Amino acid sequence: MTDAFVGSIPIDPGMGDTAGGLWSLEYGTGGLNGSPNVLYFTDGINGEGINGNGERSGLFGAIQAVPEPSTLALSGLALSVFGAGWWRRRRSARAAALAAA
């Protein structure tokens, strides 16, 4: 909630390996390239390895914001208020049409 740095994920690469590194970090561009509201990343999860061939495996992930429950509740309340107003206007118009007939 404060956007303060909390820490990092500890990595134990095992004997003879080094920790991997972040390969890319970017937002999607829309369409088949992912949502612009999602942060995508790729990361090496196996470091140099025993024979020095570089990173042998990778991880693809996405980070997306999740709305707070209070935001969802407020949205639901707003939709219900608009729906009730629409229903009342429609009911009043129908009653007026019946009275005129």
N, C-alpha and C. Protein backbone atom coordinates (compact mmCIF):
# COMPACT_ATOMS: atom_id res chain seq x y z
N MET A 1 0.81 -1.20 0.00
CA MET A 1 0.00 0.00 0.00
C MET A 1 0.86 1.26 0.00
N THR A 2 2.09 1.16 0.50
CA THR A 2 2.95 2.35 0.55
C THR A 2 3.96 2.37 -0.58
N ASP A 3 3.99 1.34 -1.41
CA ASP A 3 4.96 1.20 -2.50
C ASP A 3 6.39 1.14 -1.99
N ALA A 4 6.58 0.80 -0.73
CA ALA A 4 7.92 0.67 -0.17
C ALA A 4 8.49 -0.69 -0.56
N PHE A 5 9.79 -0.75 -0.78
CA PHE A 5 10.46 -2.00 -1.13
C PHE A 5 10.36 -2.97 0.04
N VAL A 6 9.88 -4.17 -0.24
CA VAL A 6 9.69 -5.17 0.81
C VAL A 6 10.87 -6.14 0.84
N GLY A 7 11.38 -6.50 -0.29
CA GLY A 7 12.50 -7.43 -0.33
C GLY A 7 12.53 -8.14 -1.66
N SER A 8 13.35 -9.15 -1.77
CA SER A 8 13.47 -9.91 -3.01
C SER A 8 13.20 -11.38 -2.72
N ILE A 9 13.03 -12.14 -3.78
CA ILE A 9 12.79 -13.57 -3.66
C ILE A 9 14.13 -14.27 -3.52
N PRO A 10 14.35 -15.01 -2.44
CA PRO A 10 15.62 -15.70 -2.29
C PRO A 10 15.73 -16.85 -3.29
N ILE A 11 16.89 -16.99 -3.91
CA ILE A 11 17.12 -18.04 -4.90
C ILE A 11 18.26 -18.92 -4.42
N ASP A 12 18.03 -20.21 -4.40
CA ASP A 12 19.07 -21.18 -4.08
C ASP A 12 19.33 -22.00 -5.34
N PRO A 13 20.31 -21.62 -6.14
CA PRO A 13 20.53 -22.29 -7.42
C PRO A 13 21.15 -23.67 -7.28
N GLY A 14 21.65 -24.01 -6.14
CA GLY A 14 22.26 -25.33 -5.97
C GLY A 14 23.76 -25.29 -6.22
N MET A 15 24.39 -26.44 -6.04
CA MET A 15 25.84 -26.55 -6.20
C MET A 15 26.26 -26.32 -7.65
N GLY A 16 27.25 -25.47 -7.86
CA GLY A 16 27.83 -25.27 -9.18
C GLY A 16 27.08 -24.30 -10.06
N ASP A 17 25.91 -23.81 -9.65
CA ASP A 17 25.14 -22.87 -10.45
C ASP A 17 25.17 -21.50 -9.79
N THR A 18 24.92 -20.49 -10.59
CA THR A 18 24.76 -19.14 -10.06
C THR A 18 23.33 -18.71 -10.30
N ALA A 19 22.88 -17.75 -9.53
CA ALA A 19 21.50 -17.29 -9.70
C ALA A 19 21.33 -16.65 -11.07
N GLY A 20 20.15 -16.81 -11.63
CA GLY A 20 19.85 -16.23 -12.95
C GLY A 20 19.67 -14.73 -12.87
N GLY A 21 19.32 -14.12 -13.99
CA GLY A 21 19.13 -12.68 -14.03
C GLY A 21 17.90 -12.30 -14.81
N LEU A 22 17.43 -11.09 -14.61
CA LEU A 22 16.26 -10.59 -15.30
C LEU A 22 16.60 -10.36 -16.77
N TRP A 23 15.83 -10.97 -17.68
CA TRP A 23 16.07 -10.83 -19.11
C TRP A 23 15.32 -9.64 -19.68
N SER A 24 14.05 -9.52 -19.36
CA SER A 24 13.27 -8.38 -19.88
C SER A 24 12.15 -8.04 -18.91
N LEU A 25 11.70 -6.80 -19.01
CA LEU A 25 10.64 -6.29 -18.15
C LEU A 25 9.91 -5.21 -18.94
N GLU A 26 8.65 -5.46 -19.35
CA GLU A 26 7.92 -4.48 -20.14
C GLU A 26 6.42 -4.71 -20.07
N TYR A 27 5.67 -3.66 -20.35
CA TYR A 27 4.22 -3.74 -20.42
C TYR A 27 3.81 -4.27 -21.78
N GLY A 28 2.64 -4.93 -21.84
CA GLY A 28 2.11 -5.39 -23.12
C GLY A 28 1.72 -4.20 -23.97
N THR A 29 1.59 -4.44 -25.28
CA THR A 29 1.24 -3.35 -26.19
C THR A 29 -0.15 -3.52 -26.78
N GLY A 30 -0.92 -4.48 -26.29
CA GLY A 30 -2.28 -4.69 -26.78
C GLY A 30 -2.34 -5.80 -27.81
N GLY A 31 -3.54 -6.27 -28.08
CA GLY A 31 -3.74 -7.34 -29.05
C GLY A 31 -3.06 -8.63 -28.62
N LEU A 32 -2.39 -9.28 -29.55
CA LEU A 32 -1.70 -10.52 -29.24
C LEU A 32 -0.42 -10.30 -28.43
N ASN A 33 -0.01 -9.05 -28.27
CA ASN A 33 1.20 -8.73 -27.52
C ASN A 33 0.93 -8.48 -26.04
N GLY A 34 -0.23 -8.86 -25.56
CA GLY A 34 -0.55 -8.74 -24.14
C GLY A 34 -1.23 -7.43 -23.79
N SER A 35 -1.89 -7.44 -22.66
CA SER A 35 -2.64 -6.28 -22.19
C SER A 35 -1.69 -5.15 -21.78
N PRO A 36 -2.03 -3.90 -22.13
CA PRO A 36 -1.20 -2.77 -21.71
C PRO A 36 -1.21 -2.54 -20.20
N ASN A 37 -2.13 -3.17 -19.48
CA ASN A 37 -2.22 -3.00 -18.03
C ASN A 37 -1.50 -4.10 -17.26
N VAL A 38 -0.74 -4.93 -17.97
CA VAL A 38 -0.04 -6.04 -17.33
C VAL A 38 1.46 -5.87 -17.56
N LEU A 39 2.26 -6.08 -16.52
CA LEU A 39 3.71 -6.01 -16.62
C LEU A 39 4.24 -7.43 -16.81
N TYR A 40 4.90 -7.67 -17.93
CA TYR A 40 5.44 -9.00 -18.25
C TYR A 40 6.95 -9.02 -17.99
N PHE A 41 7.44 -10.17 -17.56
CA PHE A 41 8.88 -10.29 -17.34
C PHE A 41 9.36 -11.68 -17.72
N THR A 42 10.62 -11.76 -18.10
CA THR A 42 11.30 -13.04 -18.31
C THR A 42 12.56 -13.00 -17.47
N ASP A 43 12.90 -14.16 -16.92
CA ASP A 43 14.00 -14.23 -15.97
C ASP A 43 14.73 -15.55 -16.17
N GLY A 44 16.05 -15.50 -16.09
CA GLY A 44 16.84 -16.73 -16.12
C GLY A 44 16.81 -17.39 -14.76
N ILE A 45 16.51 -18.67 -14.72
CA ILE A 45 16.42 -19.34 -13.42
C ILE A 45 17.56 -20.31 -13.18
N ASN A 46 18.37 -20.56 -14.19
CA ASN A 46 19.59 -21.35 -14.02
C ASN A 46 20.74 -20.50 -14.51
N GLY A 47 21.70 -20.25 -13.64
CA GLY A 47 22.82 -19.38 -13.99
C GLY A 47 23.82 -20.02 -14.93
N GLU A 48 25.07 -19.75 -14.70
CA GLU A 48 26.15 -20.18 -15.60
C GLU A 48 26.21 -21.69 -15.79
N GLY A 49 25.83 -22.43 -14.81
CA GLY A 49 25.90 -23.88 -14.95
C GLY A 49 27.31 -24.40 -14.74
N ILE A 50 27.44 -25.69 -14.69
CA ILE A 50 28.73 -26.32 -14.41
C ILE A 50 29.70 -26.12 -15.57
N ASN A 51 29.22 -26.22 -16.81
CA ASN A 51 30.10 -26.11 -17.96
C ASN A 51 30.11 -24.72 -18.58
N GLY A 52 29.52 -23.72 -17.94
CA GLY A 52 29.58 -22.35 -18.41
C GLY A 52 28.81 -22.06 -19.68
N ASN A 53 27.74 -22.79 -19.97
CA ASN A 53 26.95 -22.59 -21.18
C ASN A 53 25.97 -21.44 -21.07
N GLY A 54 25.97 -20.72 -20.02
CA GLY A 54 25.00 -19.64 -19.84
C GLY A 54 23.71 -20.17 -19.24
N GLU A 55 22.72 -19.32 -19.17
CA GLU A 55 21.46 -19.72 -18.54
C GLU A 55 20.74 -20.73 -19.42
N ARG A 56 20.32 -21.83 -18.82
CA ARG A 56 19.73 -22.94 -19.55
C ARG A 56 18.21 -22.93 -19.52
N SER A 57 17.62 -22.23 -18.59
CA SER A 57 16.16 -22.24 -18.45
C SER A 57 15.69 -20.82 -18.18
N GLY A 58 14.43 -20.57 -18.49
CA GLY A 58 13.87 -19.26 -18.24
C GLY A 58 12.48 -19.34 -17.64
N LEU A 59 12.05 -18.23 -17.10
CA LEU A 59 10.74 -18.12 -16.49
C LEU A 59 10.03 -16.94 -17.12
N PHE A 60 8.78 -17.13 -17.55
CA PHE A 60 7.95 -16.05 -18.07
C PHE A 60 6.85 -15.79 -17.06
N GLY A 61 6.65 -14.54 -16.70
CA GLY A 61 5.62 -14.21 -15.72
C GLY A 61 4.93 -12.90 -16.04
N ALA A 62 3.83 -12.66 -15.36
CA ALA A 62 3.06 -11.43 -15.55
C ALA A 62 2.59 -10.93 -14.19
N ILE A 63 2.59 -9.62 -14.04
CA ILE A 63 2.13 -8.98 -12.81
C ILE A 63 0.98 -8.05 -13.18
N GLN A 64 -0.17 -8.27 -12.54
CA GLN A 64 -1.34 -7.46 -12.85
C GLN A 64 -1.96 -6.95 -11.56
N ALA A 65 -2.39 -5.71 -11.57
CA ALA A 65 -3.03 -5.12 -10.39
C ALA A 65 -4.41 -5.74 -10.20
N VAL A 66 -4.76 -5.99 -8.95
CA VAL A 66 -6.06 -6.55 -8.61
C VAL A 66 -6.83 -5.48 -7.82
N PRO A 67 -8.05 -5.17 -8.25
CA PRO A 67 -8.79 -4.13 -7.52
C PRO A 67 -9.11 -4.55 -6.09
N GLU A 68 -9.13 -3.59 -5.20
CA GLU A 68 -9.48 -3.86 -3.81
C GLU A 68 -10.96 -4.17 -3.70
N PRO A 69 -11.36 -4.95 -2.70
CA PRO A 69 -12.78 -5.28 -2.53
C PRO A 69 -13.67 -4.05 -2.40
N SER A 70 -13.16 -3.00 -1.78
CA SER A 70 -13.99 -1.79 -1.63
C SER A 70 -14.27 -1.14 -2.99
N THR A 71 -13.31 -1.24 -3.92
CA THR A 71 -13.52 -0.70 -5.26
C THR A 71 -14.61 -1.49 -5.97
N LEU A 72 -14.57 -2.81 -5.84
CA LEU A 72 -15.59 -3.64 -6.46
C LEU A 72 -16.97 -3.38 -5.85
N ALA A 73 -17.03 -3.18 -4.53
CA ALA A 73 -18.30 -2.90 -3.87
C ALA A 73 -18.88 -1.57 -4.34
N LEU A 74 -18.03 -0.55 -4.47
CA LEU A 74 -18.49 0.75 -4.93
C LEU A 74 -18.98 0.67 -6.38
N SER A 75 -18.30 -0.09 -7.21
CA SER A 75 -18.75 -0.27 -8.60
C SER A 75 -20.11 -0.96 -8.64
N GLY A 76 -20.29 -1.98 -7.82
CA GLY A 76 -21.58 -2.68 -7.76
C GLY A 76 -22.70 -1.76 -7.29
N LEU A 77 -22.41 -0.93 -6.30
CA LEU A 77 -23.40 0.02 -5.81
C LEU A 77 -23.79 1.03 -6.89
N ALA A 78 -22.81 1.53 -7.61
CA ALA A 78 -23.09 2.49 -8.69
C ALA A 78 -23.95 1.86 -9.78
N LEU A 79 -23.64 0.62 -10.16
CA LEU A 79 -24.44 -0.06 -11.18
C LEU A 79 -25.88 -0.27 -10.71
N SER A 80 -26.05 -0.62 -9.44
CA SER A 80 -27.40 -0.85 -8.93
C SER A 80 -28.20 0.47 -8.89
N VAL A 81 -27.56 1.59 -8.55
CA VAL A 81 -28.24 2.88 -8.53
C VAL A 81 -28.67 3.27 -9.94
N PHE A 82 -27.78 3.13 -10.90
CA PHE A 82 -28.14 3.44 -12.30
C PHE A 82 -29.22 2.51 -12.81
N GLY A 83 -29.16 1.25 -12.44
CA GLY A 83 -30.18 0.28 -12.86
C GLY A 83 -31.54 0.61 -12.27
N ALA A 84 -31.57 1.02 -11.00
CA ALA A 84 -32.84 1.38 -10.36
C ALA A 84 -33.44 2.61 -11.02
N GLY A 85 -32.60 3.59 -11.35
CA GLY A 85 -33.11 4.79 -12.02
C GLY A 85 -33.67 4.46 -13.40
N TRP A 86 -32.98 3.62 -14.15
CA TRP A 86 -33.47 3.21 -15.47
C TRP A 86 -34.80 2.47 -15.35
N TRP A 87 -34.89 1.57 -14.35
CA TRP A 87 -36.12 0.80 -14.15
C TRP A 87 -37.29 1.72 -13.82
N ARG A 88 -37.07 2.73 -12.95
CA ARG A 88 -38.14 3.67 -12.58
C ARG A 88 -38.62 4.49 -13.77
N ARG A 89 -37.68 4.99 -14.57
CA ARG A 89 -38.07 5.77 -15.75
C ARG A 89 -38.87 4.92 -16.72
N ARG A 90 -38.44 3.70 -16.91
CA ARG A 90 -39.17 2.81 -17.83
C ARG A 90 -40.57 2.50 -17.30
N ARG A 91 -40.66 2.27 -16.00
CA ARG A 91 -41.96 1.99 -15.38
C ARG A 91 -42.89 3.19 -15.47
N SER A 92 -42.36 4.41 -15.25
CA SER A 92 -43.16 5.63 -15.34
C SER A 92 -43.65 5.85 -16.77
N ALA A 93 -42.77 5.61 -17.75
CA ALA A 93 -43.15 5.79 -19.16
C ALA A 93 -44.24 4.78 -19.54
N ARG A 94 -44.16 3.56 -19.04
CA ARG A 94 -45.15 2.54 -19.36
C ARG A 94 -46.49 2.90 -18.71
N ALA A 95 -46.47 3.40 -17.47
CA ALA A 95 -47.70 3.80 -16.78
C ALA A 95 -48.36 4.97 -17.51
N ALA A 96 -47.57 5.92 -17.99
CA ALA A 96 -48.11 7.07 -18.70
C ALA A 96 -48.72 6.63 -20.03
N ALA A 97 -48.11 5.67 -20.70
CA ALA A 97 -48.64 5.17 -21.96
C ALA A 97 -49.96 4.43 -21.73
N LEU A 98 -50.08 3.69 -20.64
CA LEU A 98 -51.33 2.99 -20.33
C LEU A 98 -52.43 3.96 -19.96
N ALA A 99 -52.07 5.04 -19.23
CA ALA A 99 -53.07 6.03 -18.83
C ALA A 99 -53.58 6.81 -20.05
N ALA A 100 -52.74 7.02 -21.03
CA ALA A 100 -53.13 7.76 -22.24
C ALA A 100 -54.00 6.92 -23.14
N ALA A 101 -53.92 5.61 -23.04
CA ALA A 101 -54.67 4.74 -23.94
C ALA A 101 -56.10 4.54 -23.55
